[in-house]
């Protein structure tokens, strides 16, 4: 069922930046290969430590944000030793309460997909936008996350029309290696929310 309380205002993207996001620059990005258009959106989940939400370091920085900016204290938790030295990022991170942080300009290549293939095309980082949801494969995501994610996707569809019809999960582009966003992720719910926003935006433009 769609969320009847959906109140997310339309979001816009200007010069690769999302209006509703807090900007926190990651060093983990590079230039997209010349001649490739942005034509896919990849949904992930992440939590640090695994299955813990909202955990922060001694300075109050969310562990996921610290990871994406190469500021994670590898000694702060035993699990962090297993990923020590990782240099990763995503374009966006959506927390459990719906707060959005942008780490990489959409026009640049974030390091979120790893070895991957979508519709026979390898190296998904080259042509995709990566969105991380705070969560895990073992719990449901929040209504706030679905609402904000839907609004983000609607904005991406507007700014990068070739992404339309190309919304997929990390598990789909790296099967056997990745499982996120997991079985609890409600694809039908998300697509219905996005469709509703697109209909509303279309009606507003016609007025």
C-alpha atoms as a PDB file:
ATOM      1  CA  UNK A   1       0.000   0.000   0.000  1.00  0.00           C
ATOM      2  CA  UNK A   2       1.237   3.534  -0.697  1.00  0.00           C
ATOM      3  CA  UNK A   3       2.070   5.854   2.193  1.00  0.00           C
ATOM      4  CA  UNK A   4      -0.989   8.085   2.649  1.00  0.00           C
ATOM      5  CA  UNK A   5       1.068  10.492   4.731  1.00  0.00           C
ATOM      6  CA  UNK A   6       3.593  11.208   1.998  1.00  0.00           C
ATOM      7  CA  UNK A   7       4.603  14.834   2.469  1.00  0.00           C
ATOM      8  CA  UNK A   8       8.005  14.998   0.834  1.00  0.00           C
ATOM      9  CA  UNK A   9       8.446  18.191  -1.144  1.00  0.00           C
ATOM     10  CA  UNK A  10       9.778  17.904  -4.708  1.00  0.00           C
ATOM     11  CA  UNK A  11      13.554  17.728  -4.908  1.00  0.00           C
ATOM     12  CA  UNK A  12      15.701  19.195  -7.634  1.00  0.00           C
ATOM     13  CA  UNK A  13      19.165  18.480  -8.983  1.00  0.00           C
ATOM     14  CA  UNK A  14      21.354  21.333 -10.187  1.00  0.00           C
ATOM     15  CA  UNK A  15      24.853  20.765 -11.547  1.00  0.00           C
ATOM     16  CA  UNK A  16      24.881  17.275 -10.056  1.00  0.00           C
ATOM     17  CA  UNK A  17      23.835  18.290  -6.537  1.00  0.00           C
ATOM     18  CA  UNK A  18      20.586  17.308  -4.808  1.00  0.00           C
ATOM     19  CA  UNK A  19      18.711  20.201  -3.222  1.00  0.00           C
ATOM     20  CA  UNK A  20      17.564  18.180  -0.200  1.00  0.00           C
ATOM     21  CA  UNK A  21      20.952  16.691   0.685  1.00  0.00           C
ATOM     22  CA  UNK A  22      23.649  17.821   3.074  1.00  0.00           C
ATOM     23  CA  UNK A  23      26.946  17.937   1.213  1.00  0.00           C
ATOM     24  CA  UNK A  24      29.882  16.026   2.706  1.00  0.00           C
ATOM     25  CA  UNK A  25      32.636  15.572   0.162  1.00  0.00           C
ATOM     26  CA  UNK A  26      34.243  12.157  -0.255  1.00  0.00           C
ATOM     27  CA  UNK A  27      37.717  11.772  -1.752  1.00  0.00           C
ATOM     28  CA  UNK A  28      36.631   8.415  -3.174  1.00  0.00           C
ATOM     29  CA  UNK A  29      35.492   9.307  -6.666  1.00  0.00           C
ATOM     30  CA  UNK A  30      36.838   9.932 -10.131  1.00  0.00           C
ATOM     31  CA  UNK A  31      35.751  11.128 -13.555  1.00  0.00           C
ATOM     32  CA  UNK A  32      33.276   9.002 -15.462  1.00  0.00           C
ATOM     33  CA  UNK A  33      34.610   7.544 -18.726  1.00  0.00           C
ATOM     34  CA  UNK A  34      34.155   9.911 -21.638  1.00  0.00           C
ATOM     35  CA  UNK A  35      31.094   9.269 -23.745  1.00  0.00           C
ATOM     36  CA  UNK A  36      29.114   7.297 -21.159  1.00  0.00           C
ATOM     37  CA  UNK A  37      25.775   8.680 -20.013  1.00  0.00           C
ATOM     38  CA  UNK A  38      24.257   8.244 -16.561  1.00  0.00           C
ATOM     39  CA  UNK A  39      21.559   5.671 -17.145  1.00  0.00           C
ATOM     40  CA  UNK A  40      21.062   3.477 -14.055  1.00  0.00           C
ATOM     41  CA  UNK A  41      20.313   3.782 -10.334  1.00  0.00           C
ATOM     42  CA  UNK A  42      21.665   1.195  -7.896  1.00  0.00           C
ATOM     43  CA  UNK A  43      20.125   0.714  -4.425  1.00  0.00           C
ATOM     44  CA  UNK A  44      22.318  -0.604  -1.586  1.00  0.00           C
ATOM     45  CA  UNK A  45      22.091  -0.975   2.165  1.00  0.00           C
ATOM     46  CA  UNK A  46      24.792  -0.387   4.747  1.00  0.00           C
ATOM     47  CA  UNK A  47      25.176  -0.309   8.518  1.00  0.00           C
ATOM     48  CA  UNK A  48      28.286   0.070  10.641  1.00  0.00           C
ATOM     49  CA  UNK A  49      28.833  -1.981  12.679  1.00  0.00           C
ATOM     50  CA  UNK A  50      26.607  -4.481  10.833  1.00  0.00           C
ATOM     51  CA  UNK A  51      22.953  -4.328  11.900  1.00  0.00           C
ATOM     52  CA  UNK A  52      23.540  -1.289  14.142  1.00  0.00           C
ATOM     53  CA  UNK A  53      21.938   1.996  13.125  1.00  0.00           C
ATOM     54  CA  UNK A  54      22.958   5.530  13.978  1.00  0.00           C
ATOM     55  CA  UNK A  55      26.265   4.496  15.568  1.00  0.00           C
ATOM     56  CA  UNK A  56      28.824   7.313  15.750  1.00  0.00           C
ATOM     57  CA  UNK A  57      32.465   7.784  16.639  1.00  0.00           C
ATOM     58  CA  UNK A  58      33.761   9.794  19.587  1.00  0.00           C
ATOM     59  CA  UNK A  59      33.416  13.037  17.610  1.00  0.00           C
ATOM     60  CA  UNK A  60      29.755  12.345  16.853  1.00  0.00           C
ATOM     61  CA  UNK A  61      30.359  11.446  13.207  1.00  0.00           C
ATOM     62  CA  UNK A  62      28.167   8.667  11.864  1.00  0.00           C
ATOM     63  CA  UNK A  63      30.343   5.647  11.144  1.00  0.00           C
ATOM     64  CA  UNK A  64      29.042   5.345   7.575  1.00  0.00           C
ATOM     65  CA  UNK A  65      29.870   8.978   6.892  1.00  0.00           C
ATOM     66  CA  UNK A  66      33.319   8.423   8.386  1.00  0.00           C
ATOM     67  CA  UNK A  67      33.834   5.421   6.099  1.00  0.00           C
ATOM     68  CA  UNK A  68      32.847   7.316   2.966  1.00  0.00           C
ATOM     69  CA  UNK A  69      35.207  10.193   3.833  1.00  0.00           C
ATOM     70  CA  UNK A  70      38.177   7.970   4.838  1.00  0.00           C
ATOM     71  CA  UNK A  71      37.870   9.056   8.467  1.00  0.00           C
ATOM     72  CA  UNK A  72      36.783   5.757  10.015  1.00  0.00           C
ATOM     73  CA  UNK A  73      38.761   4.704  13.090  1.00  0.00           C
ATOM     74  CA  UNK A  74      39.588   1.091  12.242  1.00  0.00           C
ATOM     75  CA  UNK A  75      40.183   0.341  15.937  1.00  0.00           C
ATOM     76  CA  UNK A  76      36.786   1.605  17.104  1.00  0.00           C
ATOM     77  CA  UNK A  77      35.079  -1.769  16.574  1.00  0.00           C
ATOM     78  CA  UNK A  78      36.392  -5.280  15.838  1.00  0.00           C
ATOM     79  CA  UNK A  79      34.392  -5.481  12.608  1.00  0.00           C
ATOM     80  CA  UNK A  80      36.183  -2.440  11.210  1.00  0.00           C
ATOM     81  CA  UNK A  81      39.406  -4.442  11.083  1.00  0.00           C
ATOM     82  CA  UNK A  82      37.805  -6.668   8.432  1.00  0.00           C
ATOM     83  CA  UNK A  83      37.328  -3.678   6.115  1.00  0.00           C
ATOM     84  CA  UNK A  84      40.458  -1.780   7.098  1.00  0.00           C
ATOM     85  CA  UNK A  85      41.788   0.349   4.275  1.00  0.00           C
ATOM     86  CA  UNK A  86      38.592   0.246   2.238  1.00  0.00           C
ATOM     87  CA  UNK A  87      38.099   3.292   0.038  1.00  0.00           C
ATOM     88  CA  UNK A  88      34.438   3.414  -0.949  1.00  0.00           C
ATOM     89  CA  UNK A  89      31.669   5.925  -1.428  1.00  0.00           C
ATOM     90  CA  UNK A  90      28.157   6.395  -2.676  1.00  0.00           C
ATOM     91  CA  UNK A  91      26.478   9.376  -4.213  1.00  0.00           C
ATOM     92  CA  UNK A  92      23.854   9.442  -1.446  1.00  0.00           C
ATOM     93  CA  UNK A  93      23.273   7.986   2.017  1.00  0.00           C
ATOM     94  CA  UNK A  94      19.740   7.982   3.457  1.00  0.00           C
ATOM     95  CA  UNK A  95      19.528   7.420   7.212  1.00  0.00           C
ATOM     96  CA  UNK A  96      16.698   5.760   9.107  1.00  0.00           C
ATOM     97  CA  UNK A  97      15.005   9.114   9.781  1.00  0.00           C
ATOM     98  CA  UNK A  98      15.213  10.111   6.105  1.00  0.00           C
ATOM     99  CA  UNK A  99      18.180  12.485   6.424  1.00  0.00           C
ATOM    100  CA  UNK A 100      20.130  12.592   3.166  1.00  0.00           C
ATOM    101  CA  UNK A 101      23.863  13.156   2.741  1.00  0.00           C
ATOM    102  CA  UNK A 102      25.536  13.540  -0.646  1.00  0.00           C
ATOM    103  CA  UNK A 103      29.197  12.533  -0.909  1.00  0.00           C
ATOM    104  CA  UNK A 104      29.859  12.618  -4.646  1.00  0.00           C
ATOM    105  CA  UNK A 105      28.447  14.846  -7.373  1.00  0.00           C
ATOM    106  CA  UNK A 106      26.104  12.794  -9.563  1.00  0.00           C
ATOM    107  CA  UNK A 107      28.166  13.764 -12.579  1.00  0.00           C
ATOM    108  CA  UNK A 108      31.215  12.062 -11.070  1.00  0.00           C
ATOM    109  CA  UNK A 109      31.911   8.354 -10.569  1.00  0.00           C
ATOM    110  CA  UNK A 110      31.347   7.132  -6.997  1.00  0.00           C
ATOM    111  CA  UNK A 111      32.884   3.859  -5.821  1.00  0.00           C
ATOM    112  CA  UNK A 112      29.830   1.906  -4.725  1.00  0.00           C
ATOM    113  CA  UNK A 113      29.240  -1.081  -7.016  1.00  0.00           C
ATOM    114  CA  UNK A 114      32.592  -2.836  -7.272  1.00  0.00           C
ATOM    115  CA  UNK A 115      32.874  -5.563  -9.878  1.00  0.00           C
ATOM    116  CA  UNK A 116      29.431  -5.595 -11.435  1.00  0.00           C
ATOM    117  CA  UNK A 117      27.359  -5.913 -14.587  1.00  0.00           C
ATOM    118  CA  UNK A 118      23.939  -4.582 -15.559  1.00  0.00           C
ATOM    119  CA  UNK A 119      22.161  -5.840 -18.697  1.00  0.00           C
ATOM    120  CA  UNK A 120      25.452  -7.197 -19.938  1.00  0.00           C
ATOM    121  CA  UNK A 121      27.362  -3.958 -19.341  1.00  0.00           C
ATOM    122  CA  UNK A 122      30.281  -4.250 -16.896  1.00  0.00           C
ATOM    123  CA  UNK A 123      31.626  -1.702 -14.410  1.00  0.00           C
ATOM    124  CA  UNK A 124      28.357  -0.193 -13.186  1.00  0.00           C
ATOM    125  CA  UNK A 125      30.150   2.610 -11.364  1.00  0.00           C
ATOM    126  CA  UNK A 126      30.917   4.115 -14.761  1.00  0.00           C
ATOM    127  CA  UNK A 127      27.297   4.881 -15.639  1.00  0.00           C
ATOM    128  CA  UNK A 128      25.205   4.566 -12.472  1.00  0.00           C
ATOM    129  CA  UNK A 129      24.146   6.556  -9.432  1.00  0.00           C
ATOM    130  CA  UNK A 130      24.634   4.717  -6.141  1.00  0.00           C
ATOM    131  CA  UNK A 131      22.254   5.235  -3.220  1.00  0.00           C
ATOM    132  CA  UNK A 132      22.959   3.666   0.179  1.00  0.00           C
ATOM    133  CA  UNK A 133      20.123   3.163   2.668  1.00  0.00           C
ATOM    134  CA  UNK A 134      20.979   2.758   6.328  1.00  0.00           C
ATOM    135  CA  UNK A 135      19.786  -0.769   6.977  1.00  0.00           C
ATOM    136  CA  UNK A 136      20.563  -4.433   6.585  1.00  0.00           C
ATOM    137  CA  UNK A 137      19.264  -7.537   4.864  1.00  0.00           C
ATOM    138  CA  UNK A 138      17.482  -8.553   8.065  1.00  0.00           C
ATOM    139  CA  UNK A 139      15.193  -5.643   8.987  1.00  0.00           C
ATOM    140  CA  UNK A 140      12.558  -3.545   7.266  1.00  0.00           C
ATOM    141  CA  UNK A 141      13.380  -0.063   6.077  1.00  0.00           C
ATOM    142  CA  UNK A 142      11.496   2.941   7.451  1.00  0.00           C
ATOM    143  CA  UNK A 143       8.650   4.876   5.882  1.00  0.00           C
ATOM    144  CA  UNK A 144      10.835   7.981   5.970  1.00  0.00           C
ATOM    145  CA  UNK A 145      13.463   6.186   3.905  1.00  0.00           C
ATOM    146  CA  UNK A 146      10.969   5.046   1.292  1.00  0.00           C
ATOM    147  CA  UNK A 147       9.468   8.527   1.029  1.00  0.00           C
ATOM    148  CA  UNK A 148      12.812  10.278   0.668  1.00  0.00           C
ATOM    149  CA  UNK A 149      14.172   7.634  -1.678  1.00  0.00           C
ATOM    150  CA  UNK A 150      11.121   7.960  -3.916  1.00  0.00           C
ATOM    151  CA  UNK A 151      11.551  11.735  -4.065  1.00  0.00           C
ATOM    152  CA  UNK A 152      15.241  11.330  -4.840  1.00  0.00           C
ATOM    153  CA  UNK A 153      14.515   8.905  -7.666  1.00  0.00           C
ATOM    154  CA  UNK A 154      11.872  11.206  -9.133  1.00  0.00           C
ATOM    155  CA  UNK A 155      14.446  14.019  -9.152  1.00  0.00           C
ATOM    156  CA  UNK A 156      17.072  11.779 -10.763  1.00  0.00           C
ATOM    157  CA  UNK A 157      14.611  10.702 -13.454  1.00  0.00           C
ATOM    158  CA  UNK A 158      14.003  14.372 -14.232  1.00  0.00           C
ATOM    159  CA  UNK A 159      17.696  15.338 -14.319  1.00  0.00           C
ATOM    160  CA  UNK A 160      18.961  12.141 -15.950  1.00  0.00           C
ATOM    161  CA  UNK A 161      16.106  10.767 -18.090  1.00  0.00           C
ATOM    162  CA  UNK A 162      18.075   7.751 -19.273  1.00  0.00           C
ATOM    163  CA  UNK A 163      17.891   6.311 -15.750  1.00  0.00           C
ATOM    164  CA  UNK A 164      14.150   5.762 -16.135  1.00  0.00           C
ATOM    165  CA  UNK A 165      13.327   2.036 -16.218  1.00  0.00           C
ATOM    166  CA  UNK A 166      16.810   1.249 -14.950  1.00  0.00           C
ATOM    167  CA  UNK A 167      16.380   1.008 -11.181  1.00  0.00           C
ATOM    168  CA  UNK A 168      17.997  -2.047  -9.621  1.00  0.00           C
ATOM    169  CA  UNK A 169      19.720  -3.433  -6.537  1.00  0.00           C
ATOM    170  CA  UNK A 170      23.315  -4.245  -5.703  1.00  0.00           C
ATOM    171  CA  UNK A 171      22.418  -7.947  -5.542  1.00  0.00           C
ATOM    172  CA  UNK A 172      21.203  -7.794  -9.138  1.00  0.00           C
ATOM    173  CA  UNK A 173      24.411  -6.340 -10.530  1.00  0.00           C
ATOM    174  CA  UNK A 174      26.754  -8.485  -8.397  1.00  0.00           C
ATOM    175  CA  UNK A 175      24.849 -11.744  -7.827  1.00  0.00           C
ATOM    176  CA  UNK A 176      26.574 -14.197  -5.535  1.00  0.00           C
ATOM    177  CA  UNK A 177      28.832 -11.447  -4.189  1.00  0.00           C
ATOM    178  CA  UNK A 178      26.266  -9.011  -2.808  1.00  0.00           C
ATOM    179  CA  UNK A 179      22.805  -9.465  -1.283  1.00  0.00           C
ATOM    180  CA  UNK A 180      21.662  -5.901  -0.619  1.00  0.00           C
ATOM    181  CA  UNK A 181      19.244  -4.223  -0.442  1.00  0.00           C
ATOM    182  CA  UNK A 182      17.888  -7.575   0.765  1.00  0.00           C
ATOM    183  CA  UNK A 183      14.612  -9.455   0.883  1.00  0.00           C
ATOM    184  CA  UNK A 184      12.993  -6.899   3.193  1.00  0.00           C
ATOM    185  CA  UNK A 185      13.296  -4.153   0.613  1.00  0.00           C
ATOM    186  CA  UNK A 186       9.851  -3.418  -0.851  1.00  0.00           C
ATOM    187  CA  UNK A 187      10.404  -2.729  -4.520  1.00  0.00           C
ATOM    188  CA  UNK A 188       6.679  -2.521  -5.319  1.00  0.00           C
ATOM    189  CA  UNK A 189       6.159   0.029  -2.541  1.00  0.00           C
ATOM    190  CA  UNK A 190       9.016   2.168  -3.836  1.00  0.00           C
ATOM    191  CA  UNK A 191       7.871   2.039  -7.447  1.00  0.00           C
ATOM    192  CA  UNK A 192       4.331   3.009  -6.444  1.00  0.00           C
ATOM    193  CA  UNK A 193       5.601   5.986  -4.479  1.00  0.00           C
ATOM    194  CA  UNK A 194       7.788   7.105  -7.373  1.00  0.00           C
ATOM    195  CA  UNK A 195       4.902   6.753  -9.829  1.00  0.00           C
ATOM    196  CA  UNK A 196       2.687   8.855  -7.561  1.00  0.00           C
ATOM    197  CA  UNK A 197       5.273  11.612  -7.355  1.00  0.00           C
ATOM    198  CA  UNK A 198       5.773  11.621 -11.104  1.00  0.00           C
ATOM    199  CA  UNK A 199       2.013  11.880 -11.651  1.00  0.00           C
ATOM    200  CA  UNK A 200       1.774  14.774  -9.201  1.00  0.00           C
ATOM    201  CA  UNK A 201       4.724  16.560 -10.813  1.00  0.00           C
ATOM    202  CA  UNK A 202       3.162  16.119 -14.247  1.00  0.00           C
ATOM    203  CA  UNK A 203      -0.160  17.544 -13.061  1.00  0.00           C
ATOM    204  CA  UNK A 204       1.611  20.515 -11.480  1.00  0.00           C
ATOM    205  CA  UNK A 205       3.419  21.287 -14.736  1.00  0.00           C
ATOM    206  CA  UNK A 206       0.114  21.257 -16.613  1.00  0.00           C
ATOM    207  CA  UNK A 207      -1.463  23.894 -14.352  1.00  0.00           C
END
